[in-house]
Amino acid sequence: MRGTLPGLATPFPLGPGLPGLYQDDDLVQRLCAALDEVLAPVVTTLDCLPAYLDPATAPADLVDWLAGWVGVALDDVPPARRRRLVATAAVVHRRRGTLRGVREALTAWFGVAAEVTESGGAAWSAEPGAALPGSAEPFLLVRIRVADLATVDVRRVDALVAAVKPAHVPHRVEVVQ
């Protein structure tokens, strides 16, 4: 519950729902009115619960709380990007460790389209012993093209790539103009 608002009315007052015997009792009606005042914020919060759980409409302090739910660490991220990161976290986590997942994480966090090159490959052959695609040595190369090199923190990009790539694959990050 986010707090009380003075004069907040409940859409479901308790007094009118009582049996007729208590409808005319002033003490009972005042007690019900006091309970209505206590319950009004609870009812309002429950009515608005989908808005609280949606990163696009949640209050700013709840976006950080939602980030904890989906495993996103928001340190010094601008508010608009915070909402986008929380909203896309489930998709990024689902594709974690894949080439597409690395691209989507970089786009979500930094708003850049990165070129990601990997050593692996998958293929089949009708001939036994055919050459496999890719390289025997695993590697991942992430190249980001930007107009101004000062706009991208290479350490943060490197840390993100390390977090979303397969753990056994070495990587290199290049930021070029």
N, C-alpha and C. Protein backbone atom coordinates (compact mmCIF):
# COMPACT_ATOMS: atom_id res chain seq x y z
N MET A 1 0.85 -1.16 0.00
CA MET A 1 0.00 0.00 0.00
C MET A 1 0.90 1.23 0.00
N ARG A 2 0.62 2.21 -0.82
CA ARG A 2 1.47 3.36 -1.00
C ARG A 2 1.17 4.47 -0.01
N GLY A 3 0.07 4.44 0.70
CA GLY A 3 -0.24 5.48 1.66
C GLY A 3 -1.70 5.88 1.58
N THR A 4 -2.09 6.68 2.53
CA THR A 4 -3.49 7.10 2.56
C THR A 4 -3.64 8.48 1.96
N LEU A 5 -4.80 8.73 1.43
CA LEU A 5 -5.15 10.04 0.91
C LEU A 5 -6.34 10.55 1.70
N PRO A 6 -6.26 11.75 2.24
CA PRO A 6 -7.40 12.26 3.01
C PRO A 6 -8.65 12.38 2.13
N GLY A 7 -9.75 11.88 2.64
CA GLY A 7 -11.01 11.99 1.91
C GLY A 7 -11.20 10.96 0.82
N LEU A 8 -10.32 9.97 0.73
CA LEU A 8 -10.46 8.94 -0.30
C LEU A 8 -11.66 8.07 0.02
N ALA A 9 -12.60 8.02 -0.89
CA ALA A 9 -13.82 7.25 -0.67
C ALA A 9 -13.65 5.83 -1.19
N THR A 10 -14.30 4.91 -0.56
CA THR A 10 -14.26 3.53 -1.01
C THR A 10 -15.43 3.27 -1.95
N PRO A 11 -15.21 2.50 -2.98
CA PRO A 11 -16.32 2.18 -3.88
C PRO A 11 -17.28 1.14 -3.28
N PHE A 12 -16.88 0.53 -2.16
CA PHE A 12 -17.70 -0.51 -1.53
C PHE A 12 -17.88 -0.19 -0.05
N PRO A 13 -18.71 0.80 0.29
CA PRO A 13 -18.91 1.12 1.71
C PRO A 13 -19.58 -0.04 2.45
N LEU A 14 -19.17 -0.24 3.70
CA LEU A 14 -19.67 -1.36 4.49
C LEU A 14 -21.07 -1.12 5.06
N GLY A 15 -21.38 0.10 5.45
CA GLY A 15 -22.64 0.41 6.12
C GLY A 15 -23.88 0.00 5.34
N PRO A 16 -24.01 0.36 4.08
CA PRO A 16 -25.23 -0.01 3.35
C PRO A 16 -25.40 -1.51 3.15
N GLY A 17 -24.36 -2.27 3.33
CA GLY A 17 -24.47 -3.71 3.14
C GLY A 17 -24.90 -4.47 4.39
N LEU A 18 -25.05 -3.75 5.49
CA LEU A 18 -25.46 -4.39 6.74
C LEU A 18 -26.96 -4.67 6.75
N PRO A 19 -27.39 -5.60 7.60
CA PRO A 19 -28.83 -5.86 7.74
C PRO A 19 -29.57 -4.59 8.19
N GLY A 20 -30.85 -4.53 7.92
CA GLY A 20 -31.66 -3.36 8.23
C GLY A 20 -31.61 -2.94 9.69
N LEU A 21 -31.44 -3.90 10.60
CA LEU A 21 -31.38 -3.60 12.02
C LEU A 21 -30.25 -2.62 12.33
N TYR A 22 -29.12 -2.75 11.61
CA TYR A 22 -27.96 -1.90 11.87
C TYR A 22 -27.91 -0.66 10.99
N GLN A 23 -28.80 -0.55 10.03
CA GLN A 23 -28.80 0.60 9.13
C GLN A 23 -29.10 1.90 9.89
N ASP A 24 -29.92 1.83 10.93
CA ASP A 24 -30.31 3.02 11.68
C ASP A 24 -29.44 3.26 12.91
N ASP A 25 -28.53 2.36 13.22
CA ASP A 25 -27.69 2.50 14.41
C ASP A 25 -26.51 3.42 14.08
N ASP A 26 -26.48 4.57 14.76
CA ASP A 26 -25.45 5.58 14.48
C ASP A 26 -24.05 5.06 14.82
N LEU A 27 -23.88 4.35 15.93
CA LEU A 27 -22.57 3.84 16.33
C LEU A 27 -22.04 2.85 15.29
N VAL A 28 -22.87 1.95 14.84
CA VAL A 28 -22.46 0.95 13.84
C VAL A 28 -22.08 1.63 12.54
N GLN A 29 -22.85 2.62 12.13
CA GLN A 29 -22.55 3.33 10.88
C GLN A 29 -21.24 4.10 10.98
N ARG A 30 -20.97 4.70 12.15
CA ARG A 30 -19.69 5.42 12.34
C ARG A 30 -18.52 4.44 12.34
N LEU A 31 -18.67 3.27 12.96
CA LEU A 31 -17.62 2.25 12.94
C LEU A 31 -17.35 1.76 11.51
N CYS A 32 -18.43 1.56 10.76
CA CYS A 32 -18.27 1.14 9.36
C CYS A 32 -17.59 2.23 8.54
N ALA A 33 -17.93 3.47 8.81
CA ALA A 33 -17.30 4.59 8.09
C ALA A 33 -15.80 4.65 8.41
N ALA A 34 -15.43 4.36 9.67
CA ALA A 34 -14.01 4.34 10.04
C ALA A 34 -13.30 3.19 9.33
N LEU A 35 -13.95 2.05 9.26
CA LEU A 35 -13.35 0.92 8.54
C LEU A 35 -13.26 1.22 7.04
N ASP A 36 -14.26 1.91 6.49
CA ASP A 36 -14.20 2.30 5.08
C ASP A 36 -12.99 3.18 4.81
N GLU A 37 -12.71 4.08 5.75
CA GLU A 37 -11.56 4.98 5.59
C GLU A 37 -10.25 4.20 5.61
N VAL A 38 -10.18 3.17 6.44
CA VAL A 38 -8.98 2.34 6.53
C VAL A 38 -8.84 1.45 5.30
N LEU A 39 -9.95 0.92 4.82
CA LEU A 39 -9.92 -0.02 3.70
C LEU A 39 -9.84 0.65 2.33
N ALA A 40 -10.18 1.92 2.22
CA ALA A 40 -10.20 2.60 0.92
C ALA A 40 -8.84 2.53 0.21
N PRO A 41 -7.70 2.80 0.88
CA PRO A 41 -6.42 2.69 0.17
C PRO A 41 -6.11 1.26 -0.28
N VAL A 42 -6.53 0.28 0.52
CA VAL A 42 -6.30 -1.12 0.16
C VAL A 42 -7.07 -1.47 -1.10
N VAL A 43 -8.33 -1.08 -1.15
CA VAL A 43 -9.17 -1.36 -2.31
C VAL A 43 -8.62 -0.64 -3.54
N THR A 44 -8.21 0.61 -3.36
CA THR A 44 -7.65 1.37 -4.48
C THR A 44 -6.37 0.73 -5.00
N THR A 45 -5.51 0.29 -4.09
CA THR A 45 -4.26 -0.36 -4.50
C THR A 45 -4.54 -1.65 -5.25
N LEU A 46 -5.46 -2.45 -4.74
CA LEU A 46 -5.79 -3.70 -5.42
C LEU A 46 -6.43 -3.44 -6.78
N ASP A 47 -7.26 -2.40 -6.88
CA ASP A 47 -7.86 -2.06 -8.17
C ASP A 47 -6.81 -1.62 -9.18
N CYS A 48 -5.73 -1.01 -8.69
CA CYS A 48 -4.69 -0.48 -9.58
C CYS A 48 -3.47 -1.40 -9.68
N LEU A 49 -3.56 -2.59 -9.15
CA LEU A 49 -2.40 -3.49 -9.10
C LEU A 49 -1.76 -3.73 -10.47
N PRO A 50 -2.52 -3.96 -11.55
CA PRO A 50 -1.86 -4.13 -12.85
C PRO A 50 -1.01 -2.93 -13.25
N ALA A 51 -1.45 -1.73 -12.90
CA ALA A 51 -0.67 -0.54 -13.23
C ALA A 51 0.62 -0.48 -12.41
N TYR A 52 0.58 -0.97 -11.16
CA TYR A 52 1.78 -1.00 -10.35
C TYR A 52 2.79 -2.02 -10.86
N LEU A 53 2.33 -3.08 -11.48
CA LEU A 53 3.21 -4.14 -11.95
C LEU A 53 3.69 -3.95 -13.39
N ASP A 54 3.20 -2.94 -14.06
CA ASP A 54 3.61 -2.64 -15.43
C ASP A 54 4.70 -1.58 -15.39
N PRO A 55 5.91 -1.87 -15.89
CA PRO A 55 6.99 -0.89 -15.82
C PRO A 55 6.67 0.44 -16.52
N ALA A 56 5.77 0.42 -17.49
CA ALA A 56 5.44 1.66 -18.20
C ALA A 56 4.58 2.60 -17.35
N THR A 57 3.81 2.07 -16.41
CA THR A 57 2.90 2.90 -15.63
C THR A 57 3.20 2.93 -14.14
N ALA A 58 4.12 2.11 -13.68
CA ALA A 58 4.43 2.06 -12.25
C ALA A 58 5.12 3.34 -11.80
N PRO A 59 4.90 3.74 -10.55
CA PRO A 59 5.66 4.88 -10.01
C PRO A 59 7.16 4.58 -10.06
N ALA A 60 7.96 5.63 -10.12
CA ALA A 60 9.41 5.47 -10.32
C ALA A 60 10.06 4.59 -9.26
N ASP A 61 9.65 4.73 -8.00
CA ASP A 61 10.28 3.92 -6.96
C ASP A 61 9.91 2.44 -7.08
N LEU A 62 8.75 2.15 -7.64
CA LEU A 62 8.36 0.75 -7.83
C LEU A 62 9.08 0.11 -9.01
N VAL A 63 9.56 0.91 -9.95
CA VAL A 63 10.31 0.34 -11.08
C VAL A 63 11.59 -0.31 -10.56
N ASP A 64 12.25 0.32 -9.59
CA ASP A 64 13.44 -0.30 -8.99
C ASP A 64 13.08 -1.60 -8.27
N TRP A 65 11.95 -1.63 -7.61
CA TRP A 65 11.50 -2.84 -6.93
C TRP A 65 11.20 -3.94 -7.94
N LEU A 66 10.55 -3.59 -9.05
CA LEU A 66 10.28 -4.56 -10.11
C LEU A 66 11.57 -5.07 -10.73
N ALA A 67 12.58 -4.20 -10.81
CA ALA A 67 13.88 -4.62 -11.36
C ALA A 67 14.48 -5.74 -10.52
N GLY A 68 14.30 -5.68 -9.22
CA GLY A 68 14.76 -6.76 -8.36
C GLY A 68 14.03 -8.07 -8.63
N TRP A 69 12.77 -7.97 -8.98
CA TRP A 69 12.00 -9.18 -9.30
C TRP A 69 12.55 -9.89 -10.53
N VAL A 70 12.98 -9.12 -11.54
CA VAL A 70 13.42 -9.72 -12.80
C VAL A 70 14.93 -9.80 -12.91
N GLY A 71 15.65 -9.51 -11.83
CA GLY A 71 17.09 -9.69 -11.80
C GLY A 71 17.87 -8.68 -12.60
N VAL A 72 17.44 -7.43 -12.59
CA VAL A 72 18.15 -6.37 -13.31
C VAL A 72 18.71 -5.41 -12.27
N ALA A 73 20.02 -5.15 -12.33
CA ALA A 73 20.66 -4.20 -11.42
C ALA A 73 20.70 -2.84 -12.09
N LEU A 74 19.96 -1.90 -11.55
CA LEU A 74 19.88 -0.55 -12.11
C LEU A 74 20.69 0.38 -11.21
N ASP A 75 21.90 0.74 -11.64
CA ASP A 75 22.71 1.61 -10.80
C ASP A 75 22.54 3.08 -11.19
N ASP A 76 23.09 3.49 -12.28
CA ASP A 76 22.99 4.89 -12.69
C ASP A 76 22.34 5.00 -14.07
N VAL A 77 21.22 4.35 -14.22
CA VAL A 77 20.50 4.31 -15.49
C VAL A 77 19.41 5.37 -15.47
N PRO A 78 19.27 6.15 -16.56
CA PRO A 78 18.20 7.16 -16.60
C PRO A 78 16.81 6.53 -16.46
N PRO A 79 15.84 7.29 -15.92
CA PRO A 79 14.51 6.73 -15.64
C PRO A 79 13.80 6.10 -16.84
N ALA A 80 13.87 6.72 -18.00
CA ALA A 80 13.18 6.16 -19.17
C ALA A 80 13.78 4.81 -19.56
N ARG A 81 15.10 4.72 -19.49
CA ARG A 81 15.75 3.45 -19.83
C ARG A 81 15.49 2.39 -18.76
N ARG A 82 15.34 2.80 -17.49
CA ARG A 82 15.02 1.85 -16.42
C ARG A 82 13.74 1.10 -16.75
N ARG A 83 12.73 1.84 -17.18
CA ARG A 83 11.45 1.22 -17.51
C ARG A 83 11.60 0.23 -18.67
N ARG A 84 12.37 0.62 -19.69
CA ARG A 84 12.57 -0.27 -20.84
C ARG A 84 13.34 -1.53 -20.45
N LEU A 85 14.35 -1.38 -19.59
CA LEU A 85 15.13 -2.54 -19.16
C LEU A 85 14.29 -3.53 -18.36
N VAL A 86 13.46 -3.02 -17.48
CA VAL A 86 12.61 -3.91 -16.69
C VAL A 86 11.59 -4.59 -17.60
N ALA A 87 11.05 -3.85 -18.55
CA ALA A 87 10.03 -4.42 -19.45
C ALA A 87 10.62 -5.51 -20.35
N THR A 88 11.87 -5.38 -20.76
CA THR A 88 12.47 -6.35 -21.67
C THR A 88 13.32 -7.41 -20.97
N ALA A 89 13.39 -7.36 -19.66
CA ALA A 89 14.28 -8.26 -18.92
C ALA A 89 13.94 -9.73 -19.14
N ALA A 90 12.68 -10.07 -19.14
CA ALA A 90 12.31 -11.48 -19.29
C ALA A 90 12.75 -12.02 -20.65
N VAL A 91 12.58 -11.23 -21.70
CA VAL A 91 12.99 -11.66 -23.04
C VAL A 91 14.51 -11.81 -23.09
N VAL A 92 15.22 -10.84 -22.53
CA VAL A 92 16.69 -10.88 -22.55
C VAL A 92 17.19 -12.08 -21.74
N HIS A 93 16.59 -12.35 -20.59
CA HIS A 93 17.01 -13.51 -19.79
C HIS A 93 16.72 -14.82 -20.50
N ARG A 94 15.60 -14.88 -21.19
CA ARG A 94 15.23 -16.12 -21.88
C ARG A 94 16.24 -16.45 -22.98
N ARG A 95 16.81 -15.43 -23.60
CA ARG A 95 17.76 -15.66 -24.71
C ARG A 95 19.21 -15.53 -24.26
N ARG A 96 19.44 -15.50 -22.97
CA ARG A 96 20.79 -15.35 -22.43
C ARG A 96 21.67 -16.50 -22.91
N GLY A 97 22.89 -16.15 -23.31
CA GLY A 97 23.84 -17.16 -23.77
C GLY A 97 23.77 -17.43 -25.26
N THR A 98 22.84 -16.77 -25.95
CA THR A 98 22.74 -16.95 -27.40
C THR A 98 23.22 -15.68 -28.10
N LEU A 99 23.51 -15.82 -29.37
CA LEU A 99 23.93 -14.68 -30.16
C LEU A 99 22.86 -13.59 -30.16
N ARG A 100 21.63 -14.01 -30.36
CA ARG A 100 20.51 -13.06 -30.37
C ARG A 100 20.36 -12.40 -28.99
N GLY A 101 20.58 -13.16 -27.93
CA GLY A 101 20.47 -12.62 -26.58
C GLY A 101 21.51 -11.55 -26.31
N VAL A 102 22.73 -11.75 -26.80
CA VAL A 102 23.78 -10.74 -26.63
C VAL A 102 23.38 -9.46 -27.36
N ARG A 103 22.89 -9.60 -28.59
CA ARG A 103 22.46 -8.41 -29.35
C ARG A 103 21.32 -7.68 -28.65
N GLU A 104 20.33 -8.44 -28.20
CA GLU A 104 19.17 -7.81 -27.56
C GLU A 104 19.55 -7.13 -26.24
N ALA A 105 20.47 -7.73 -25.49
CA ALA A 105 20.91 -7.11 -24.24
C ALA A 105 21.63 -5.79 -24.51
N LEU A 106 22.49 -5.78 -25.53
CA LEU A 106 23.19 -4.54 -25.88
C LEU A 106 22.22 -3.46 -26.36
N THR A 107 21.23 -3.86 -27.12
CA THR A 107 20.23 -2.89 -27.59
C THR A 107 19.42 -2.36 -26.42
N ALA A 108 19.02 -3.23 -25.50
CA ALA A 108 18.21 -2.80 -24.36
C ALA A 108 19.00 -1.88 -23.44
N TRP A 109 20.24 -2.22 -23.14
CA TRP A 109 21.01 -1.45 -22.17
C TRP A 109 21.60 -0.17 -22.75
N PHE A 110 22.07 -0.24 -23.99
CA PHE A 110 22.80 0.90 -24.53
C PHE A 110 22.13 1.55 -25.73
N GLY A 111 21.07 0.94 -26.23
CA GLY A 111 20.36 1.52 -27.36
C GLY A 111 21.16 1.50 -28.65
N VAL A 112 22.07 0.56 -28.78
CA VAL A 112 22.89 0.45 -29.99
C VAL A 112 22.68 -0.90 -30.65
N ALA A 113 22.80 -0.92 -31.94
CA ALA A 113 22.76 -2.18 -32.69
C ALA A 113 24.20 -2.64 -32.84
N ALA A 114 24.55 -3.73 -32.20
CA ALA A 114 25.92 -4.21 -32.21
C ALA A 114 26.09 -5.32 -33.24
N GLU A 115 27.29 -5.39 -33.79
CA GLU A 115 27.65 -6.50 -34.66
C GLU A 115 28.29 -7.55 -33.76
N VAL A 116 27.72 -8.72 -33.72
CA VAL A 116 28.25 -9.79 -32.87
C VAL A 116 28.66 -10.95 -33.76
N THR A 117 29.92 -11.34 -33.64
CA THR A 117 30.46 -12.44 -34.42
C THR A 117 30.89 -13.53 -33.45
N GLU A 118 30.54 -14.76 -33.77
CA GLU A 118 30.91 -15.87 -32.91
C GLU A 118 31.65 -16.93 -33.72
N SER A 119 32.30 -17.84 -33.02
CA SER A 119 33.08 -18.87 -33.70
C SER A 119 32.27 -20.10 -34.05
N GLY A 120 31.17 -20.32 -33.38
CA GLY A 120 30.44 -21.57 -33.55
C GLY A 120 29.56 -21.60 -34.77
N GLY A 121 28.96 -22.73 -34.97
CA GLY A 121 28.05 -22.91 -36.08
C GLY A 121 27.34 -24.25 -35.94
N ALA A 122 26.32 -24.42 -36.71
CA ALA A 122 25.57 -25.67 -36.70
C ALA A 122 25.24 -26.04 -38.13
N ALA A 123 25.45 -27.28 -38.47
CA ALA A 123 25.15 -27.75 -39.82
C ALA A 123 25.01 -29.27 -39.78
N TRP A 124 24.58 -29.80 -40.85
CA TRP A 124 24.51 -31.24 -40.97
C TRP A 124 25.06 -31.61 -42.35
N SER A 125 25.45 -32.85 -42.49
CA SER A 125 26.00 -33.31 -43.75
C SER A 125 25.57 -34.75 -43.99
N ALA A 126 25.32 -35.06 -45.25
CA ALA A 126 24.97 -36.44 -45.61
C ALA A 126 26.21 -37.31 -45.63
N GLU A 127 27.40 -36.68 -45.63
CA GLU A 127 28.65 -37.43 -45.67
C GLU A 127 29.27 -37.49 -44.29
N PRO A 128 29.60 -38.66 -43.80
CA PRO A 128 30.25 -38.76 -42.50
C PRO A 128 31.64 -38.12 -42.55
N GLY A 129 32.03 -37.47 -41.47
CA GLY A 129 33.36 -36.89 -41.39
C GLY A 129 33.51 -35.58 -42.13
N ALA A 130 32.42 -34.96 -42.57
CA ALA A 130 32.50 -33.68 -43.28
C ALA A 130 32.98 -32.60 -42.33
N ALA A 131 33.57 -31.55 -42.87
CA ALA A 131 34.09 -30.44 -42.07
C ALA A 131 32.94 -29.72 -41.36
N LEU A 132 33.20 -29.36 -40.11
CA LEU A 132 32.20 -28.63 -39.33
C LEU A 132 32.34 -27.14 -39.59
N PRO A 133 31.24 -26.41 -39.53
CA PRO A 133 31.33 -24.96 -39.72
C PRO A 133 31.95 -24.29 -38.49
N GLY A 134 32.40 -23.08 -38.66
CA GLY A 134 32.94 -22.31 -37.55
C GLY A 134 34.38 -22.65 -37.26
N SER A 135 34.83 -22.20 -36.09
CA SER A 135 36.21 -22.38 -35.67
C SER A 135 36.25 -23.31 -34.47
N ALA A 136 37.36 -24.03 -34.33
CA ALA A 136 37.50 -24.94 -33.19
C ALA A 136 37.72 -24.16 -31.89
N GLU A 137 38.30 -22.98 -31.97
CA GLU A 137 38.53 -22.13 -30.80
C GLU A 137 37.32 -21.23 -30.59
N PRO A 138 36.67 -21.29 -29.44
CA PRO A 138 35.51 -20.43 -29.21
C PRO A 138 35.92 -18.97 -29.03
N PHE A 139 35.15 -18.06 -29.58
CA PHE A 139 35.37 -16.64 -29.37
C PHE A 139 34.08 -15.89 -29.67
N LEU A 140 34.01 -14.69 -29.15
CA LEU A 140 32.87 -13.81 -29.38
C LEU A 140 33.43 -12.41 -29.56
N LEU A 141 33.10 -11.80 -30.68
CA LEU A 141 33.55 -10.43 -30.97
C LEU A 141 32.33 -9.55 -31.05
N VAL A 142 32.33 -8.49 -30.24
CA VAL A 142 31.24 -7.53 -30.23
C VAL A 142 31.80 -6.21 -30.73
N ARG A 143 31.22 -5.72 -31.81
CA ARG A 143 31.67 -4.45 -32.40
C ARG A 143 30.50 -3.47 -32.39
N ILE A 144 30.73 -2.31 -31.80
CA ILE A 144 29.71 -1.27 -31.72
C ILE A 144 30.21 -0.06 -32.48
N ARG A 145 29.39 0.42 -33.40
CA ARG A 145 29.73 1.61 -34.18
C ARG A 145 28.97 2.80 -33.63
N VAL A 146 29.71 3.84 -33.26
CA VAL A 146 29.11 5.06 -32.72
C VAL A 146 29.73 6.28 -33.39
N ALA A 147 29.01 7.38 -33.35
CA ALA A 147 29.52 8.63 -33.94
C ALA A 147 30.60 9.25 -33.04
N ASP A 148 30.42 9.14 -31.72
CA ASP A 148 31.37 9.72 -30.78
C ASP A 148 31.79 8.64 -29.79
N LEU A 149 33.08 8.35 -29.74
CA LEU A 149 33.59 7.28 -28.87
C LEU A 149 33.37 7.58 -27.40
N ALA A 150 33.25 8.85 -27.03
CA ALA A 150 33.07 9.22 -25.63
C ALA A 150 31.67 8.89 -25.11
N THR A 151 30.75 8.57 -25.99
CA THR A 151 29.37 8.30 -25.56
C THR A 151 29.17 6.89 -25.03
N VAL A 152 30.14 6.00 -25.23
CA VAL A 152 30.01 4.60 -24.80
C VAL A 152 31.10 4.27 -23.79
N ASP A 153 30.69 3.73 -22.64
CA ASP A 153 31.62 3.27 -21.63
C ASP A 153 31.98 1.81 -21.94
N VAL A 154 33.17 1.60 -22.45
CA VAL A 154 33.60 0.27 -22.91
C VAL A 154 33.60 -0.73 -21.76
N ARG A 155 33.93 -0.30 -20.55
CA ARG A 155 33.94 -1.22 -19.40
C ARG A 155 32.54 -1.74 -19.11
N ARG A 156 31.55 -0.88 -19.22
CA ARG A 156 30.17 -1.33 -18.95
C ARG A 156 29.69 -2.28 -20.05
N VAL A 157 30.05 -1.99 -21.30
CA VAL A 157 29.69 -2.88 -22.40
C VAL A 157 30.36 -4.23 -22.19
N ASP A 158 31.63 -4.21 -21.82
CA ASP A 158 32.36 -5.45 -21.59
C ASP A 158 31.74 -6.25 -20.44
N ALA A 159 31.35 -5.59 -19.37
CA ALA A 159 30.72 -6.27 -18.24
C ALA A 159 29.38 -6.88 -18.63
N LEU A 160 28.61 -6.17 -19.45
CA LEU A 160 27.32 -6.70 -19.88
C LEU A 160 27.52 -7.93 -20.77
N VAL A 161 28.46 -7.84 -21.72
CA VAL A 161 28.73 -8.98 -22.60
C VAL A 161 29.18 -10.18 -21.78
N ALA A 162 30.04 -9.95 -20.79
CA ALA A 162 30.50 -11.05 -19.93
C ALA A 162 29.33 -11.69 -19.18
N ALA A 163 28.33 -10.90 -18.84
CA ALA A 163 27.19 -11.43 -18.08
C ALA A 163 26.21 -12.21 -18.94
N VAL A 164 26.08 -11.88 -20.22
CA VAL A 164 25.04 -12.51 -21.04
C VAL A 164 25.56 -13.56 -22.01
N LYS A 165 26.86 -13.68 -22.19
CA LYS A 165 27.42 -14.68 -23.11
C LYS A 165 27.60 -16.00 -22.38
N PRO A 166 27.85 -17.09 -23.10
CA PRO A 166 28.19 -18.34 -22.42
C PRO A 166 29.49 -18.17 -21.64
N ALA A 167 29.55 -18.72 -20.45
CA ALA A 167 30.68 -18.49 -19.55
C ALA A 167 32.01 -18.99 -20.10
N HIS A 168 32.00 -20.05 -20.90
CA HIS A 168 33.25 -20.65 -21.36
C HIS A 168 33.82 -19.97 -22.61
N VAL A 169 33.11 -19.00 -23.17
CA VAL A 169 33.54 -18.37 -24.42
C VAL A 169 34.24 -17.05 -24.12
N PRO A 170 35.52 -16.91 -24.52
CA PRO A 170 36.20 -15.62 -24.35
C PRO A 170 35.61 -14.59 -25.32
N HIS A 171 35.66 -13.33 -24.94
CA HIS A 171 35.07 -12.30 -25.80
C HIS A 171 35.98 -11.08 -25.89
N ARG A 172 35.70 -10.27 -26.88
CA ARG A 172 36.40 -9.00 -27.07
C ARG A 172 35.38 -7.98 -27.52
N VAL A 173 35.50 -6.77 -26.98
CA VAL A 173 34.58 -5.67 -27.31
C VAL A 173 35.37 -4.60 -28.05
N GLU A 174 34.85 -4.17 -29.19
CA GLU A 174 35.45 -3.09 -29.96
C GLU A 174 34.42 -2.00 -30.16
N VAL A 175 34.80 -0.77 -29.85
CA VAL A 175 33.93 0.38 -30.11
C VAL A 175 34.65 1.21 -31.18
N VAL A 176 34.00 1.36 -32.33
CA VAL A 176 34.62 2.05 -33.46
C VAL A 176 33.68 3.14 -33.98
N GLN A 177 34.30 4.08 -34.72
CA GLN A 177 33.50 5.17 -35.31
C GLN A 177 33.07 4.79 -36.71
